[in-house]
Protein backbone atom coordinates (compact mmCIF):
# COMPACT_ATOMS: atom_id res chain seq x y z
CA MET A 1 43.51 33.04 16.50
CA LYS A 2 43.23 31.78 12.92
CA ALA A 3 41.24 28.78 14.05
CA GLU A 4 38.78 31.03 15.91
CA ARG A 5 38.29 33.24 12.82
CA ARG A 6 37.69 30.22 10.65
CA ALA A 7 35.20 28.89 13.14
CA GLN A 8 33.38 32.23 13.17
CA ARG A 9 33.16 32.22 9.38
CA TYR A 10 31.94 28.64 9.39
CA ARG A 11 29.14 29.06 11.97
CA PRO A 12 26.73 31.10 9.79
CA CYS A 13 27.12 28.62 6.92
CA ARG A 14 26.48 25.71 9.21
CA GLN A 15 23.37 27.41 10.59
CA ARG A 16 22.02 28.06 7.06
CA TYR A 17 22.50 24.40 6.18
CA ARG A 18 20.73 23.32 9.34
CA THR A 19 17.83 25.64 8.60
CA ALA A 20 17.61 24.38 5.02
CA ASP A 21 17.80 20.78 6.24
CA VAL A 22 14.95 21.32 8.68
CA GLU A 23 12.82 22.94 5.97
CA LEU A 24 13.50 20.12 3.53
CA ASN A 25 12.61 17.55 6.17
CA LYS A 26 9.30 19.34 6.79
CA GLN A 27 8.54 19.34 3.08
CA LEU A 28 9.48 15.68 2.78
CA ALA A 29 7.25 14.75 5.71
CA GLY A 30 4.37 16.68 4.16
CA ALA A 31 4.87 15.00 0.81
CA ARG A 32 4.98 11.57 2.42
CA ALA A 33 1.77 12.27 4.32
CA GLU A 34 0.09 13.41 1.11
CA VAL A 35 1.19 10.27 -0.73
CA THR A 36 -0.08 8.08 2.09
CA GLU A 37 -3.44 9.83 2.08
CA LYS A 38 -3.78 9.47 -1.69
CA LYS A 39 -2.83 5.79 -1.55
CA LEU A 40 -5.54 5.22 1.06
CA ARG A 41 -8.13 6.98 -1.10
CA LEU A 42 -7.09 4.94 -4.13
CA GLU A 43 -7.33 1.71 -2.16
CA GLN A 44 -10.79 2.72 -0.93
CA ALA A 45 -11.92 3.35 -4.51
CA ARG A 46 -10.48 0.04 -5.70
CA ARG A 47 -12.21 -1.92 -2.96
CA LEU A 48 -15.49 -0.19 -3.63
CA TYR A 49 -15.20 -0.89 -7.37
CA GLU A 50 -14.17 -4.53 -6.89
CA ASN A 51 -17.12 -5.13 -4.57
CA GLY A 52 -19.58 -3.65 -7.06
CA GLY A 53 -20.12 -0.49 -5.06
CA ASP A 54 -21.08 2.85 -6.50
CA ILE A 55 -17.93 4.81 -7.28
CA GLN A 56 -20.04 7.96 -7.13
CA ALA A 57 -20.11 7.52 -3.36
CA ILE A 58 -16.52 8.80 -3.21
CA PRO A 59 -16.52 12.61 -2.93
CA ASP A 60 -13.03 12.96 -4.47
CA VAL A 61 -14.18 11.14 -7.58
CA MET A 62 -17.27 13.26 -8.01
CA ALA A 63 -15.33 16.48 -7.44
CA SER A 64 -12.65 15.66 -10.00
CA VAL A 65 -12.31 17.82 -13.10
CA PRO A 66 -12.93 15.00 -15.62
CA ILE A 67 -16.11 13.89 -13.85
CA THR A 68 -17.33 17.47 -13.61
CA GLN A 69 -16.72 17.94 -17.34
CA LEU A 70 -18.49 14.69 -18.18
CA ARG A 71 -21.49 15.66 -16.07
CA GLN A 72 -21.68 18.99 -17.86
CA GLN A 73 -21.54 17.25 -21.24
CA GLN A 74 -24.21 14.82 -20.13
CA SER A 75 -26.45 17.69 -19.09
CA GLU A 76 -25.94 19.44 -22.43
CA LEU A 77 -26.69 16.25 -24.36
CA LYS A 78 -29.89 15.66 -22.39
CA TRP A 79 -30.97 19.21 -23.14
CA ARG A 80 -30.26 18.72 -26.86
CA GLU A 81 -32.12 15.43 -26.87
CA GLU A 82 -35.16 17.08 -25.32
CA GLU A 83 -34.98 19.89 -27.86
CA LEU A 84 -34.79 17.46 -30.77
CA SER A 85 -37.67 15.36 -29.45
CA ARG A 86 -39.90 18.44 -29.32
CA ASN A 87 -39.38 19.26 -33.01
């Protein structure tokens, strides 16, 4: 009788741990896939750079925040240069 009661109390805990374990495994698999994808992109960029290719051909590079900011600054500087050359 006592053993059965203990087992009944234990079952919900065990199920929660199993559920948490499954969720953590899903998250881990997703993180591993993301790391693999990013490593492949990095390797692609390195190869392109080492072979003298145009890094601008990589969409991830061109869509990055720093590149976007630099392009905006470049545009503003060109505009200023044109304004100064007119005066």
